[in-house]
Protein backbone atom coordinates (compact mmCIF):
# COMPACT_ATOMS: atom_id res chain seq x y z
CA MET A 1 0.00 0.00 0.00
CA LEU A 2 2.78 2.42 0.91
CA LEU A 3 4.67 1.70 -2.31
CA HIS A 4 1.54 2.35 -4.37
CA LEU A 5 0.91 5.54 -2.42
CA ALA A 6 4.44 6.71 -3.24
CA VAL A 7 3.87 5.97 -6.94
CA ALA A 8 0.51 7.76 -6.98
CA LEU A 9 1.90 10.89 -5.29
CA ASP A 10 5.28 10.78 -7.07
CA LEU A 11 7.22 10.49 -3.81
CA ARG A 12 10.75 9.09 -3.21
CA PRO A 13 10.52 7.71 0.34
CA LEU A 14 13.38 5.20 -0.12
CA THR A 15 16.86 5.19 -1.58
CA GLY A 16 17.33 3.46 -4.88
CA ASP A 17 19.03 0.53 -3.13
CA GLY A 18 16.09 0.25 -0.74
CA VAL A 19 13.64 -0.01 -3.63
CA LEU A 20 15.93 -2.53 -5.37
CA ARG A 21 15.83 -4.79 -2.34
CA LEU A 22 12.02 -4.70 -2.41
CA ALA A 23 12.04 -5.29 -6.19
CA ARG A 24 13.58 -8.71 -5.47
CA ASP A 25 10.92 -9.55 -2.85
CA SER A 26 9.32 -12.98 -2.99
CA SER A 27 5.83 -11.47 -2.72
CA ARG A 28 4.45 -10.70 -6.17
CA GLN A 29 2.45 -7.71 -4.91
CA VAL A 30 5.45 -6.12 -3.17
CA ARG A 31 7.76 -6.88 -6.10
CA HIS A 32 5.42 -5.40 -8.69
CA ALA A 33 4.73 -2.29 -6.60
CA ALA A 34 8.50 -1.78 -6.23
CA TRP A 35 8.91 -2.04 -10.00
CA LEU A 36 6.36 0.73 -10.46
CA LEU A 37 8.30 2.91 -8.03
CA LEU A 38 11.67 2.06 -9.57
CA ALA A 39 10.47 3.44 -12.89
CA ARG A 40 10.21 6.84 -11.13
CA TYR A 41 13.89 6.75 -10.11
CA GLY A 42 15.23 7.84 -13.46
CA ARG A 43 17.83 6.07 -15.56
CA ARG A 44 19.12 3.82 -12.79
CA GLY A 45 15.70 2.35 -12.11
CA ARG A 46 14.95 1.80 -15.77
CA ASN A 47 18.36 0.24 -16.42
CA TRP A 48 17.73 -2.24 -13.60
CA LEU A 49 14.26 -3.05 -14.94
CA ARG A 50 15.79 -3.96 -18.30
CA THR A 51 17.74 -6.77 -16.61
CA VAL A 52 14.65 -8.39 -15.05
CA GLU A 53 13.41 -11.53 -16.76
CA PRO A 54 9.61 -11.70 -16.78
CA GLY A 55 8.24 -14.74 -14.96
CA ASP A 56 4.85 -14.91 -16.73
CA ILE A 57 2.60 -13.03 -19.11
CA TYR A 58 1.47 -10.48 -16.51
CA GLU A 59 5.04 -9.62 -15.50
CA HIS A 60 6.05 -9.49 -19.16
CA LEU A 61 3.34 -6.91 -19.92
CA LEU A 62 4.09 -4.93 -16.75
CA LEU A 63 7.82 -4.72 -17.47
CA ASP A 64 7.24 -4.00 -21.14
CA THR A 65 4.94 -1.11 -20.19
CA LEU A 66 7.51 0.26 -17.71
CA ARG A 67 10.42 -0.04 -20.17
CA HIS A 68 8.72 1.21 -23.32
CA LYS A 69 5.89 3.43 -24.43
CA PRO A 70 2.68 1.37 -24.24
CA LEU A 71 0.00 1.08 -26.95
CA ALA A 72 2.34 1.92 -29.80
CA GLY A 73 0.44 3.17 -32.83
CA ALA A 74 -2.69 4.04 -30.91
CA ARG A 75 -2.46 7.74 -31.70
CA HIS A 76 -2.87 6.94 -35.40
CA ALA A 77 -6.12 5.06 -34.88
CA LEU A 78 -8.03 6.96 -32.21
CA PRO A 79 -10.11 10.07 -32.90
CA HIS A 80 -8.47 13.48 -32.62
CA ALA A 81 -11.63 15.58 -32.81
CA GLY A 82 -15.01 15.30 -31.16
CA LEU A 83 -16.06 13.77 -27.85
CA PHE A 84 -14.00 10.77 -26.75
CA VAL A 85 -15.78 8.78 -24.01
CA ALA A 86 -15.13 5.58 -22.07
CA GLN A 87 -17.40 3.07 -20.34
CA SER A 88 -16.34 0.24 -18.06
CA MET A 89 -17.09 -3.38 -17.24
CA LEU A 90 -14.45 -4.75 -14.90
CA MET A 91 -15.99 -8.05 -13.75
CA GLY A 92 -16.54 -11.00 -16.06
CA ARG A 93 -15.43 -11.55 -19.64
CA PHE A 94 -16.85 -8.98 -22.03
CA ASP A 95 -17.39 -11.36 -24.96
CA ARG A 96 -18.93 -14.19 -22.94
CA PRO A 97 -22.22 -13.01 -21.41
CA GLY A 98 -23.96 -15.55 -19.23
CA GLU A 99 -20.72 -17.12 -18.01
CA GLY A 100 -19.21 -16.51 -14.59
CA LEU A 101 -19.62 -12.88 -13.56
CA SER A 102 -20.50 -11.70 -17.06
CA GLY A 103 -24.17 -10.88 -17.48
CA GLY A 104 -26.39 -8.35 -19.19
CA LEU A 105 -23.93 -5.50 -18.70
CA SER A 106 -21.61 -6.89 -21.39
CA VAL A 107 -24.51 -7.05 -23.86
CA LEU A 108 -25.64 -3.56 -22.86
CA LEU A 109 -22.20 -1.96 -23.19
CA ASP A 110 -21.56 -3.64 -26.51
CA SER A 111 -24.81 -2.38 -28.04
CA VAL A 112 -24.67 1.07 -26.40
CA GLY A 113 -20.98 1.42 -27.29
CA GLU A 114 -21.81 0.79 -30.93
CA ALA A 115 -24.76 3.19 -30.80
CA LEU A 116 -22.69 5.89 -29.07
CA ALA A 117 -19.97 5.55 -31.69
CA SER A 118 -22.46 6.64 -34.36
CA THR A 119 -24.17 9.34 -32.25
CA ALA A 120 -23.72 12.96 -33.31
CA GLY A 121 -21.02 14.71 -31.31
CA VAL A 122 -19.28 11.49 -30.24
CA ALA A 123 -16.07 10.76 -32.13
CA GLY A 124 -15.04 7.58 -30.34
CA VAL A 125 -15.94 5.13 -27.57
CA LEU A 126 -13.55 3.16 -25.39
CA THR A 127 -14.91 0.17 -23.47
CA VAL A 128 -12.60 -0.64 -20.55
CA VAL A 129 -12.49 -4.27 -19.38
CA THR A 130 -10.10 -6.46 -17.40
CA ALA A 131 -8.03 -9.48 -18.44
CA CYS A 132 -6.64 -12.05 -15.99
CA ARG A 133 -3.50 -14.10 -16.69
CA PRO A 134 -5.25 -16.93 -18.62
CA ASP A 135 -6.99 -14.32 -20.80
CA LEU A 136 -3.66 -12.60 -21.44
CA GLU A 137 -2.04 -15.91 -22.35
CA GLU A 138 -4.68 -16.36 -25.05
CA ASP A 139 -4.43 -12.77 -26.29
CA ARG A 140 -1.84 -10.25 -25.09
CA VAL A 141 -3.13 -7.32 -27.17
CA LEU A 142 -4.39 -4.60 -24.80
CA LEU A 143 -6.09 -2.25 -27.27
CA ARG A 144 -8.20 -3.50 -30.15
CA ARG A 145 -10.68 -1.86 -32.50
CA ARG A 146 -14.16 -3.40 -32.24
CA SER A 147 -15.78 -1.28 -34.95
CA PRO A 148 -14.77 1.93 -36.79
CA ASN A 149 -15.25 4.21 -33.74
CA HIS A 150 -15.36 1.72 -30.86
CA TRP A 151 -12.29 0.26 -29.11
CA ILE A 152 -11.76 -2.25 -26.30
CA LEU A 153 -9.04 -1.49 -23.73
CA ARG A 154 -8.00 -4.42 -21.51
CA LEU A 155 -6.50 -3.73 -18.08
CA PRO A 156 -4.25 -6.62 -16.93
CA VAL A 157 -5.11 -8.19 -13.56
CA ASP A 158 -2.57 -10.35 -11.75
CA SER A 159 -4.93 -13.24 -11.07
CA ASP A 160 -5.45 -16.75 -12.39
CA ARG A 161 -9.21 -16.10 -12.77
CA PRO A 162 -11.46 -13.11 -13.49
CA ALA A 163 -11.60 -10.85 -10.44
CA GLY A 164 -14.86 -10.76 -8.50
CA PRO A 165 -16.27 -8.05 -6.23
CA GLN A 166 -14.47 -9.46 -3.18
CA ASP A 167 -11.13 -9.53 -5.04
CA MET A 168 -11.12 -6.02 -6.46
CA GLY A 169 -9.84 -4.39 -3.28
CA GLU A 170 -6.43 -6.05 -3.52
CA HIS A 171 -6.12 -4.98 -7.17
CA ARG A 172 -7.47 -1.44 -6.78
CA GLU A 173 -4.24 0.53 -6.68
CA VAL A 174 -2.54 -1.32 -9.50
CA LEU A 175 -5.74 -1.12 -11.59
CA ALA A 176 -5.69 2.65 -11.10
CA TRP A 177 -2.06 2.65 -12.28
CA TRP A 178 -2.80 0.52 -15.36
CA ALA A 179 -5.82 2.65 -16.28
CA THR A 180 -3.90 5.91 -15.81
CA THR A 181 -0.89 4.66 -17.77
CA LEU A 182 -2.78 3.15 -20.70
CA MET A 183 -5.41 5.88 -21.04
CA SER A 184 -2.62 8.48 -20.96
CA ALA A 185 -0.95 6.67 -23.87
CA LEU A 186 -3.96 6.80 -26.18
CA GLY A 187 -2.69 9.81 -28.10
CA ARG A 188 -5.49 12.15 -27.06
CA ARG A 189 -7.19 13.04 -23.80
CA LEU A 190 -10.25 11.10 -22.73
CA ASP A 191 -13.15 13.51 -22.17
CA VAL A 192 -15.47 11.45 -19.97
CA LEU A 193 -15.30 8.10 -18.17
CA HIS A 194 -18.56 6.38 -17.13
CA VAL A 195 -18.43 3.79 -14.33
CA ARG A 196 -21.18 1.47 -13.13
CA TYR A 197 -21.34 -0.60 -9.94
CA ALA A 198 -20.16 0.44 -6.49
CA ASP A 199 -16.96 -1.60 -6.25
CA ASP A 200 -13.24 -1.10 -5.79
CA GLY A 201 -12.64 -1.39 -9.53
CA SER A 202 -14.93 1.56 -10.24
CA LEU A 203 -13.13 3.58 -7.56
CA ALA A 204 -9.82 2.69 -9.24
CA LEU A 205 -11.12 4.06 -12.55
CA ALA A 206 -12.47 7.15 -10.79
CA GLU A 207 -8.96 7.80 -9.47
CA ALA A 208 -7.51 7.26 -12.96
CA ALA A 209 -10.02 9.75 -14.40
CA ARG A 210 -8.89 12.31 -11.83
CA ARG A 211 -5.22 11.75 -12.71
CA ILE A 212 -5.72 12.17 -16.46
CA GLY A 213 -8.20 15.03 -16.18
CA ALA A 214 -11.26 13.22 -17.54
CA GLY A 215 -14.81 13.90 -16.36
CA LEU A 216 -16.51 11.18 -14.36
CA VAL A 217 -20.09 9.87 -14.66
CA PHE A 218 -21.39 7.32 -12.14
CA THR A 219 -24.54 5.20 -12.41
CA ALA A 220 -25.93 4.84 -8.88
CA THR A 221 -28.37 2.09 -7.87
CA PRO A 222 -30.36 1.43 -4.66
CA ASP A 223 -28.06 -1.47 -3.87
CA PRO A 224 -25.93 -1.86 -1.79
CA HIS A 225 -27.78 0.42 0.63
CA ARG A 226 -31.07 -1.44 0.16
CA GLN A 227 -29.41 -4.84 0.50
CA MET A 228 -27.67 -3.83 3.71
CA SER A 229 -30.88 -2.46 5.23
CA GLU A 230 -32.73 -5.67 4.43
CA ARG A 231 -29.92 -7.87 5.71
CA LEU A 232 -29.78 -6.04 9.04
CA ASP A 233 -33.48 -6.78 9.55
CA HIS A 234 -32.52 -10.41 10.14
CA PRO A 235 -31.07 -11.23 13.58
CA ASP A 236 -28.86 -13.99 12.10
CA ALA A 237 -27.23 -11.73 9.48
CA ASP A 238 -23.76 -12.94 8.52
CA PRO A 239 -21.21 -10.36 9.81
CA ASP A 240 -18.98 -10.95 6.78
CA HIS A 241 -21.85 -10.12 4.42
CA VAL A 242 -22.72 -7.02 6.45
CA ARG A 243 -19.10 -5.91 6.35
CA LEU A 244 -18.99 -6.32 2.57
CA ASP A 245 -22.27 -4.39 2.21
CA LEU A 246 -20.93 -1.61 4.42
CA HIS A 247 -17.76 -1.39 2.32
CA ARG A 248 -19.87 -1.12 -0.86
CA VAL A 249 -22.00 1.61 0.74
CA TYR A 250 -18.77 3.47 1.48
CA LEU A 251 -17.58 3.01 -2.12
CA ALA A 252 -20.94 4.13 -3.55
CA ASP A 253 -20.88 7.31 -1.47
CA ARG A 254 -17.29 8.05 -2.51
CA LEU A 255 -18.14 7.54 -6.18
CA ALA A 256 -21.23 9.75 -5.90
CA ASP A 257 -19.13 12.49 -4.28
CA ARG A 258 -16.32 12.23 -6.85
CA ALA A 259 -18.53 12.09 -9.95
CA ASP A 260 -19.13 15.17 -12.06
CA ARG A 261 -22.53 13.70 -12.95
CA VAL A 262 -24.57 10.99 -11.23
CA VAL A 263 -27.35 9.20 -13.11
CA GLY A 264 -29.66 6.50 -11.80
CA ILE A 265 -31.66 3.46 -12.83
CA ALA A 266 -35.37 3.98 -12.42
CA GLY A 267 -37.55 1.60 -10.42
CA ARG A 268 -41.27 1.42 -9.72
CA GLY A 269 -41.24 4.94 -8.25
CA GLY A 270 -38.72 6.43 -10.66
CA THR A 271 -35.59 7.49 -8.78
CA SER A 272 -37.30 8.16 -5.44
CA GLU A 273 -35.87 5.05 -3.76
CA LEU A 274 -32.39 5.91 -5.01
CA VAL A 275 -32.58 9.43 -3.58
CA ARG A 276 -33.68 8.02 -0.21
CA HIS A 277 -30.43 6.04 -0.06
CA PHE A 278 -28.34 8.93 -1.42
CA PRO A 279 -29.68 12.07 0.30
CA GLN A 280 -26.64 13.97 -0.99
CA LEU A 281 -28.06 13.56 -4.51
CA ALA A 282 -31.33 15.23 -3.49
CA ARG A 283 -29.33 18.19 -2.21
CA ARG A 284 -27.25 18.23 -5.38
CA TYR A 285 -29.91 17.79 -8.05
CA GLY A 286 -33.15 18.56 -6.26
CA ALA A 287 -35.85 16.09 -5.24
CA GLY A 288 -37.16 14.09 -8.19
CA LEU A 289 -34.70 15.64 -10.66
CA LEU A 290 -32.06 12.91 -10.74
CA SER A 291 -31.74 11.75 -14.34
CA ALA A 292 -32.33 8.09 -15.20
CA PRO A 293 -31.48 7.54 -18.90
CA PRO A 294 -33.52 4.62 -20.25
CA GLU A 295 -31.49 1.50 -20.87
CA GLY A 296 -32.15 -0.25 -24.12
CA VAL A 297 -31.63 -3.13 -26.51
CA ALA A 298 -29.98 -3.15 -29.89
CA PRO A 299 -31.99 -3.89 -33.05
CA TYR A 300 -32.26 -7.60 -33.79
CA GLU A 301 -29.87 -8.53 -36.58
CA PRO A 302 -29.90 -12.29 -37.12
CA SER A 303 -27.01 -14.09 -38.74
CA ALA A 304 -27.30 -17.25 -40.79
CA ASP A 305 -25.18 -19.10 -38.24
CA ALA A 306 -27.41 -17.99 -35.36
CA VAL A 307 -30.55 -19.16 -37.17
CA LYS A 308 -28.92 -22.52 -37.89
CA ARG A 309 -27.79 -22.98 -34.28
CA CYS A 310 -31.25 -21.98 -33.12
CA GLY A 311 -32.71 -24.83 -35.16
CA HIS A 312 -30.54 -27.30 -33.24
CA LEU A 313 -31.71 -25.81 -29.93
CA ILE A 314 -35.35 -26.06 -30.97
CA ASP A 315 -34.81 -29.73 -31.82
CA ARG A 316 -33.39 -30.30 -28.32
CA ILE A 317 -36.33 -28.53 -26.69
CA GLY A 318 -38.77 -30.43 -28.90
CA GLY A 319 -37.13 -33.71 -27.93
CA THR A 320 -37.69 -33.12 -24.23
CA PRO A 321 -40.60 -35.27 -22.92
CA GLY A 322 -43.74 -33.20 -22.47
CA PRO A 323 -47.30 -33.75 -21.21
CA ALA A 324 -48.98 -36.11 -23.65
CA GLU A 325 -52.36 -34.39 -23.46
CA GLN A 326 -51.11 -31.03 -24.78
CA ASP A 327 -51.31 -30.19 -28.48
CA ARG A 328 -48.81 -27.34 -28.09
CA ARG A 329 -45.76 -27.77 -25.90
CA THR A 330 -45.55 -25.20 -23.09
CA VAL A 331 -42.01 -23.91 -22.56
CA LEU A 332 -40.77 -21.76 -19.70
CA LEU A 333 -37.54 -20.01 -20.71
CA SER A 334 -35.08 -18.28 -18.36
CA VAL A 335 -31.77 -16.73 -19.45
CA GLY A 336 -29.04 -15.51 -17.12
CA ARG A 337 -25.69 -16.28 -15.56
CA LEU A 338 -25.74 -19.05 -12.97
CA HIS A 339 -25.48 -17.17 -9.69
CA PRO A 340 -27.33 -17.24 -6.34
CA VAL A 341 -28.83 -13.78 -6.94
CA LYS A 342 -30.38 -15.08 -10.19
CA GLN A 343 -32.07 -17.88 -8.20
CA GLN A 344 -32.34 -20.56 -10.89
CA ASP A 345 -32.36 -23.15 -8.08
CA VAL A 346 -35.33 -21.43 -6.44
CA LEU A 347 -37.08 -21.42 -9.81
CA VAL A 348 -36.61 -25.18 -10.23
CA ARG A 349 -37.95 -25.84 -6.72
CA ALA A 350 -40.93 -23.53 -7.33
CA TRP A 351 -41.63 -25.20 -10.68
CA ILE A 352 -41.75 -28.61 -9.01
CA GLU A 353 -43.51 -27.64 -5.76
CA SER A 354 -46.28 -25.82 -7.66
CA GLY A 355 -46.85 -28.79 -9.98
CA CYS A 356 -45.95 -26.68 -13.04
CA HIS A 357 -43.42 -29.33 -14.09
CA ARG A 358 -46.32 -31.59 -15.06
CA GLU A 359 -47.51 -29.04 -17.63
CA SER A 360 -44.34 -27.47 -19.01
CA VAL A 361 -40.74 -27.85 -20.06
CA LEU A 362 -38.27 -25.59 -18.21
CA VAL A 363 -35.29 -24.34 -20.23
CA LEU A 364 -32.49 -22.60 -18.33
CA VAL A 365 -29.75 -20.88 -20.35
CA GLY A 366 -26.56 -19.79 -18.60
CA GLY A 367 -23.23 -20.81 -17.14
CA SER A 368 -19.99 -22.17 -18.53
CA THR A 369 -19.41 -25.84 -19.27
CA CYS A 370 -15.66 -25.31 -19.55
CA GLY A 371 -14.18 -24.57 -16.12
CA PRO A 372 -17.26 -23.24 -14.28
CA ASP A 373 -16.50 -20.88 -11.42
CA PRO A 374 -17.43 -21.82 -7.81
CA GLN A 375 -20.76 -19.98 -7.95
CA GLU A 376 -21.78 -21.78 -11.14
CA SER A 377 -20.80 -25.15 -9.65
CA LEU A 378 -22.82 -24.34 -6.53
CA MET A 379 -25.89 -23.49 -8.61
CA ARG A 380 -25.59 -26.66 -10.70
CA ASP A 381 -25.41 -28.72 -7.51
CA ARG A 382 -28.50 -26.96 -6.11
CA ILE A 383 -30.45 -27.49 -9.33
CA GLU A 384 -29.42 -31.15 -9.35
CA ALA A 385 -30.53 -31.53 -5.73
CA ALA A 386 -33.90 -29.91 -6.47
CA THR A 387 -34.79 -32.63 -8.99
CA LEU A 388 -33.58 -35.64 -6.96
CA GLY A 389 -36.27 -38.21 -6.60
CA ASN A 390 -38.43 -36.63 -9.32
CA PRO A 391 -37.62 -38.27 -12.67
CA GLU A 392 -40.58 -36.56 -14.36
CA ALA A 393 -39.21 -33.09 -13.53
CA ARG A 394 -35.64 -34.10 -14.35
CA ALA A 395 -36.75 -35.26 -17.81
CA ARG A 396 -38.50 -31.93 -18.52
CA LEU A 397 -35.64 -29.70 -17.32
CA LEU A 398 -33.14 -28.60 -19.96
CA LEU A 399 -30.02 -26.77 -18.72
CA LEU A 400 -28.16 -25.18 -21.62
CA PRO A 401 -24.78 -23.41 -21.35
CA ALA A 402 -24.56 -19.69 -22.01
CA LEU A 403 -25.36 -18.74 -25.60
CA THR A 404 -24.30 -15.75 -27.63
CA ASN A 405 -26.71 -12.84 -27.53
CA ALA A 406 -27.59 -13.46 -31.18
CA ASP A 407 -28.45 -17.10 -30.41
CA VAL A 408 -30.60 -16.14 -27.42
CA ARG A 409 -32.57 -13.59 -29.38
CA SER A 410 -33.06 -15.99 -32.30
CA LEU A 411 -34.28 -18.69 -29.93
CA GLU A 412 -36.73 -16.27 -28.28
CA ARG A 413 -38.17 -15.29 -31.64
CA VAL A 414 -38.74 -18.88 -32.70
CA LEU A 415 -40.41 -19.69 -29.38
CA ALA A 416 -42.61 -16.57 -29.67
CA ASP A 417 -43.77 -17.42 -33.21
CA PRO A 418 -47.48 -18.32 -32.92
CA GLY A 419 -47.13 -20.53 -35.96
CA ARG A 420 -44.78 -22.86 -34.11
CA ARG A 421 -45.73 -25.78 -31.90
CA PHE A 422 -44.66 -23.94 -28.74
CA ARG A 423 -46.64 -22.05 -26.14
CA ALA A 424 -43.73 -20.11 -24.64
CA ARG A 425 -43.38 -17.90 -21.57
CA TYR A 426 -40.30 -16.09 -20.24
CA VAL A 427 -39.54 -15.98 -16.52
CA CYS A 428 -36.86 -14.08 -14.59
CA PRO A 429 -36.63 -15.52 -11.03
CA SER A 430 -33.92 -13.16 -9.70
CA ALA A 431 -34.08 -11.92 -6.14
CA LYS A 432 -33.95 -8.49 -7.78
CA GLU A 433 -32.85 -6.92 -11.06
CA GLU A 434 -31.51 -3.39 -11.12
CA PHE A 435 -32.85 -3.17 -14.67
CA GLY A 436 -33.17 -6.58 -16.36
CA LEU A 437 -31.87 -6.37 -19.92
CA ALA A 438 -32.68 -10.04 -20.57
CA VAL A 439 -36.32 -9.35 -19.68
CA LEU A 440 -36.40 -6.44 -22.14
CA GLU A 441 -34.94 -8.61 -24.90
CA ALA A 442 -37.59 -11.28 -24.31
CA MET A 443 -40.29 -8.61 -24.46
CA GLU A 444 -38.84 -7.25 -27.70
CA ALA A 445 -38.90 -10.76 -29.19
CA GLY A 446 -42.64 -11.07 -28.52
CA LEU A 447 -42.67 -13.35 -25.45
CA VAL A 448 -44.97 -12.73 -22.52
CA VAL A 449 -42.69 -12.17 -19.53
CA ALA A 450 -42.74 -12.46 -15.74
CA GLY A 451 -40.08 -10.72 -13.65
CA PRO A 452 -39.27 -9.78 -10.04
CA GLU A 453 -41.23 -7.04 -8.36
CA ARG A 454 -38.04 -5.83 -6.61
CA GLY A 455 -35.68 -3.61 -8.57
CA GLY A 456 -36.08 -1.97 -11.94
CA VAL A 457 -38.42 -4.36 -13.78
CA PRO A 458 -41.60 -2.62 -12.48
CA HIS A 459 -40.37 0.51 -14.27
CA TYR A 460 -41.43 -1.04 -17.59
CA VAL A 461 -43.59 -4.07 -16.71
CA ASP A 462 -47.11 -3.15 -15.65
CA ASP A 463 -48.51 -6.20 -13.86
CA GLY A 464 -51.33 -7.79 -15.81
CA VAL A 465 -51.02 -5.30 -18.68
CA ASN A 466 -47.76 -6.06 -20.52
CA GLY A 467 -46.41 -8.83 -18.28
CA LEU A 468 -46.47 -10.18 -14.76
CA LEU A 469 -44.58 -9.18 -11.61
CA LEU A 470 -43.48 -11.95 -9.28
CA ASP A 471 -42.71 -12.20 -5.60
CA THR A 472 -39.43 -14.11 -5.89
CA SER A 473 -38.57 -14.06 -2.18
CA THR A 474 -39.41 -17.77 -1.65
CA SER A 475 -40.09 -20.85 -3.76
CA LEU A 476 -43.69 -20.80 -2.49
CA THR A 477 -44.42 -17.25 -3.69
CA LEU A 478 -42.50 -17.81 -6.92
CA GLY A 479 -44.50 -20.99 -7.52
CA ARG A 480 -47.73 -19.00 -7.22
CA GLY A 481 -46.41 -16.61 -9.84
CA LEU A 482 -45.48 -19.48 -12.17
CA ARG A 483 -48.97 -20.91 -11.80
CA ARG A 484 -50.42 -17.52 -12.72
CA LEU A 485 -48.10 -17.34 -15.74
CA LEU A 486 -49.02 -20.79 -17.01
CA ASP A 487 -52.75 -20.22 -16.45
CA LEU A 488 -52.81 -17.22 -18.80
CA GLU A 489 -55.08 -17.86 -21.75
CA ASP A 490 -53.24 -17.71 -25.07
CA ASP A 491 -55.21 -14.68 -26.29
CA ALA A 492 -54.45 -12.74 -23.10
CA ALA A 493 -50.78 -13.74 -23.25
CA GLU A 494 -50.47 -12.64 -26.89
CA ALA A 495 -52.09 -9.27 -26.09
CA MET A 496 -49.66 -8.74 -23.21
CA ALA A 497 -46.74 -9.69 -25.44
CA ARG A 498 -47.82 -7.21 -28.15
CA ARG A 499 -48.07 -4.39 -25.62
CA ALA A 500 -44.69 -5.33 -24.16
CA GLN A 501 -43.08 -5.36 -27.58
CA HIS A 502 -44.48 -1.90 -28.32
CA VAL A 503 -43.10 -0.51 -25.02
CA VAL A 504 -39.59 -1.78 -25.75
CA ARG A 505 -39.48 -0.68 -29.37
CA THR A 506 -40.76 2.83 -28.60
CA ARG A 507 -39.00 3.57 -25.29
CA PHE A 508 -36.01 1.28 -24.75
CA SER A 509 -33.67 1.27 -27.73
CA ALA A 510 -29.88 1.35 -27.52
CA ALA A 511 -29.91 4.37 -29.84
CA ALA A 512 -32.19 6.34 -27.49
CA MET A 513 -30.00 5.43 -24.53
CA ALA A 514 -26.88 6.52 -26.44
CA ARG A 515 -28.43 9.90 -27.28
CA ALA A 516 -29.40 10.52 -23.64
CA LEU A 517 -25.94 9.55 -22.40
CA ALA A 518 -24.22 11.65 -25.08
CA ASP A 519 -26.05 14.73 -23.75
CA HIS A 520 -24.76 14.01 -20.24
CA TYR A 521 -21.22 13.41 -21.52
CA ALA A 522 -21.24 16.67 -23.48
CA ASP A 523 -22.40 18.60 -20.40
CA VAL A 524 -19.67 17.04 -18.25
CA ALA A 525 -16.96 17.60 -20.86
CA SER A 526 -17.88 21.26 -21.21
């Protein structure tokens, strides 16, 4: 910590020999921090760094960055006029939504990044992600063009797996260094950096924005304040969980104070709940005036490969045993990363306990089949346990690994087609969704949806009008919601689905979100 503090403040608290001794330390963290400080000691430090042999890909990239100018050639590719903005996703792998910690945010940032890149006044978009050692072994390029005006910048993380929220604290200072160093080497100044989530990684990027002189935008959400309040209502609250919640509350307040602009995610009552948890925002913006730009989905653009793969998936769903008395197979679809907060295990229990398994096929999409993380393994074990002793339910449960966004949207369209042999419903069983992009995509595809009443889903789902809201707090209450969903008459379900599709296509497009964000970015930059 002290070495990183010296680097951040450009201090020389030790002699060169003292730093050299630490640079040979057996601890990777101490050794790497000493290398960063050595680079500040002029020629002697750099000459010594040239003699160090990198031990692995992370050390190779770190030493190469310290010895040479990073991101060579970037200044020839990046925009030199117009607004240059960055957005961040530091947890999970950007190109693999539905696996590990990667969820709807990767899909959102990809579509919004592309829309921003073609929005008037925006010359370029930089999406900032992280890359652990295995990712860097596969691909050591740190800056890559995704489309003509959209780039991906990868910040190396010294870890053998993608960093999670509980890991970010130990990487915070070095992430701030990587972000400052690489964003300073882009060839032009970044105008605005937009961070989401109240975690140590976002605070690292906020510090980097301060160092390079970029404006900062922060998306605030009712969690973690809401989660901590609810947890403390229980006398058996886990102290470790409370401590983590308290740390996230602290981070959220710091980010809100540091940001040049704070925006929110609207819930059932707009941003009123958010302002209750952040009273400083009410003082700053005025009651009820906190902006909540609508999130949105990209236009559906099917590829031939996606349509072909979708056909194989439909064959698998069609081959799952179903109730013999039904002319049309009833399918319950749920898409999301396998994680306790997404509650796929609760959904399976509710499906069985309510008897819905006798009338429907349940299709869960999410999780990695190649090296699942501990949370995914836990969820698979819970789902397996929920079906023990019930061969009928086990036969009608189909657990598919995470699919590409194009495959998911193609599958949803086929299931929603009234000319097909399916009677499909979409269900999101999460404990809460801050927004619920997967729900929006299902609505856009023409499926009738049911989502949690906690969080942001009630902002666009009107219960009984364009979808259903569920109490997902227990398997009993969720089972009642599933029964209500399955008991919908086809005509009523199709009317709901049409209204839902209209809401998404008129109010929640990626282009509309990009325009709203671009206005905020322009205000901050000016």
